[in-house]
Each structure stands twice: as C-alpha cells, then as structure tokens.
Amino acid sequence: MTTLGVRPWSDAGAFDAAAPGVEFQRAGLPHYEWANGPHDRYSEHTHAYDKTLVCLEGSIVFHVPERGDLALACGDRLDLPAGTPHAATVGPRGVRCVEAHHGG
C-alpha cells in the first residue's frame, strides 16, 4: 500500500526528467506523461489505484482534505494511495508530469 506524501528531488545532481520513467519501467509499472496549461484545475476526485506522480516541469498543487495542500515542483514525487480524495491546481507556468499506477 502506498503512503500519502511528497518527496522532493534529493539527488546531489541536477534533475533528469527521463529518470522517473526509467525507474517506473524497471519496476514494471505502466506509466505515461501528461501536461496542463497555467492555472488549469482538477475538481475533487479519487482513483481506484495507488498513483505515483513525478513533476517533470513547472508546478502543481494537490489539495488533499486530510493533509492540506501538497505542492510539487520540478523533480518532486507524490505518492497517492487509492481512494484518497484530492483536487489539483496547476502553477503559473503550467506543468508536465509522468505517473504510474499500482494495483486497481
């Protein structure tokens, strides 16, 4: 089971936007990239699967009632357990992310 939380990019070097996809592929996880324009919004919803999302460019804030706002910038990773209500607001420069689904 996934634990809700954000992990900032912690490598000593610069963030490599290809690295998360490679990591997901090595783990055998289906994954895909998506992007949104500045200030786009997602209304509150849930998923039937655990989700891991990595911000590749720009920024996005996930609004999670049980935890408040979880902000992601380039290189940050969000682990979101299945069934967690959340909404999101894209930052002023848009966002590009890669995500993988676990189970469900």
Protein backbone atom coordinates (compact mmCIF):
# COMPACT_ATOMS: atom_id res chain seq x y z
CA MET A 1 0.00 0.00 0.00
CA THR A 2 1.21 3.48 -0.88
CA THR A 3 1.66 6.09 1.87
CA LEU A 4 0.47 9.62 1.07
CA GLY A 5 3.33 12.08 0.80
CA VAL A 6 5.65 14.25 -1.27
CA ARG A 7 9.34 13.53 -1.67
CA PRO A 8 11.48 16.35 -3.05
CA TRP A 9 14.25 15.62 -5.55
CA SER A 10 17.16 14.66 -3.32
CA ASP A 11 19.94 13.67 -5.71
CA ALA A 12 23.07 15.77 -5.49
CA GLY A 13 22.97 16.42 -9.24
CA ALA A 14 20.51 18.19 -11.46
CA PHE A 15 17.12 16.56 -12.02
CA ASP A 16 16.96 14.33 -15.12
CA ALA A 17 13.38 14.34 -16.45
CA ALA A 18 13.94 10.91 -18.08
CA ALA A 19 14.89 9.24 -14.78
CA PRO A 20 11.37 8.70 -13.32
CA GLY A 21 10.15 6.96 -16.48
CA VAL A 22 13.20 4.70 -16.44
CA GLU A 23 12.55 3.91 -12.78
CA PHE A 24 8.90 3.06 -13.49
CA GLN A 25 9.90 0.89 -16.45
CA ARG A 26 12.45 -1.03 -14.35
CA ALA A 27 9.74 -1.63 -11.75
CA GLY A 28 7.40 -2.96 -14.47
CA LEU A 29 4.88 -0.16 -13.90
CA PRO A 30 2.81 1.20 -16.79
CA HIS A 31 3.35 4.95 -16.94
CA TYR A 32 2.60 7.94 -19.12
CA GLU A 33 3.31 11.66 -19.35
CA TRP A 34 0.71 14.42 -19.30
CA ALA A 35 0.74 18.21 -19.24
CA ASN A 36 -1.60 21.09 -18.47
CA GLY A 37 -1.53 24.82 -19.08
CA PRO A 38 -1.17 27.53 -16.45
CA HIS A 39 -3.81 27.61 -13.71
CA ASP A 40 -5.75 24.59 -15.01
CA ARG A 41 -7.77 22.87 -12.27
CA TYR A 42 -8.95 19.37 -11.47
CA SER A 43 -12.02 19.09 -9.26
CA GLU A 44 -12.01 16.75 -6.28
CA HIS A 45 -11.98 13.07 -7.22
CA THR A 46 -10.48 9.70 -6.21
CA HIS A 47 -8.81 6.80 -8.01
CA ALA A 48 -9.25 3.03 -7.53
CA TYR A 49 -5.45 2.56 -7.72
CA ASP A 50 -2.35 3.84 -5.97
CA LYS A 51 -0.62 6.53 -8.03
CA THR A 52 2.95 7.80 -8.10
CA LEU A 53 3.44 11.08 -9.93
CA VAL A 54 6.66 13.00 -10.63
CA CYS A 55 6.67 16.65 -11.71
CA LEU A 56 8.98 16.98 -14.73
CA GLU A 57 8.48 20.70 -15.45
CA GLY A 58 6.53 23.57 -13.91
CA SER A 59 4.47 23.10 -10.76
CA ILE A 60 1.17 21.78 -9.41
CA VAL A 61 -0.56 21.83 -6.02
CA PHE A 62 -2.64 18.86 -4.91
CA HIS A 63 -5.42 19.75 -2.47
CA VAL A 64 -5.92 16.79 -0.14
CA PRO A 65 -8.58 17.30 2.56
CA GLU A 66 -6.81 15.03 5.07
CA ARG A 67 -3.38 16.71 4.58
CA GLY A 68 -3.95 20.18 3.13
CA ASP A 69 -2.03 21.44 0.11
CA LEU A 70 0.85 19.40 -1.29
CA ALA A 71 2.97 21.47 -3.68
CA LEU A 72 5.14 19.83 -6.33
CA ALA A 73 7.89 21.49 -8.36
CA CYS A 74 10.33 20.00 -10.84
CA GLY A 75 11.66 16.67 -9.54
CA ASP A 76 9.16 16.28 -6.69
CA ARG A 77 7.31 12.98 -6.31
CA LEU A 78 3.77 12.46 -4.98
CA ASP A 79 2.63 9.07 -3.70
CA LEU A 80 -1.17 8.99 -3.59
CA PRO A 81 -2.99 5.97 -2.13
CA ALA A 82 -6.12 4.61 -3.79
CA GLY A 83 -9.33 6.22 -2.56
CA THR A 84 -7.67 9.48 -1.41
CA PRO A 85 -9.89 12.47 -2.26
CA HIS A 86 -7.87 15.17 -4.00
CA ALA A 87 -8.12 18.15 -6.34
CA ALA A 88 -5.30 20.00 -8.08
CA THR A 89 -4.32 23.43 -9.37
CA VAL A 90 -1.57 23.85 -11.97
CA GLY A 91 1.02 26.56 -11.37
CA PRO A 92 1.53 29.78 -13.34
CA ARG A 93 3.90 28.21 -15.90
CA GLY A 94 1.92 25.03 -16.49
CA VAL A 95 3.06 21.52 -15.59
CA ARG A 96 4.36 18.32 -17.19
CA CYS A 97 4.29 15.10 -15.17
CA VAL A 98 4.86 11.38 -15.50
CA GLU A 99 2.73 8.99 -13.48
CA ALA A 100 2.45 5.30 -12.79
CA HIS A 101 -0.47 3.31 -11.39
CA HIS A 102 -0.11 0.46 -8.93
CA GLY A 103 -2.82 -2.15 -8.48
CA GLY A 104 -6.52 -1.46 -9.05
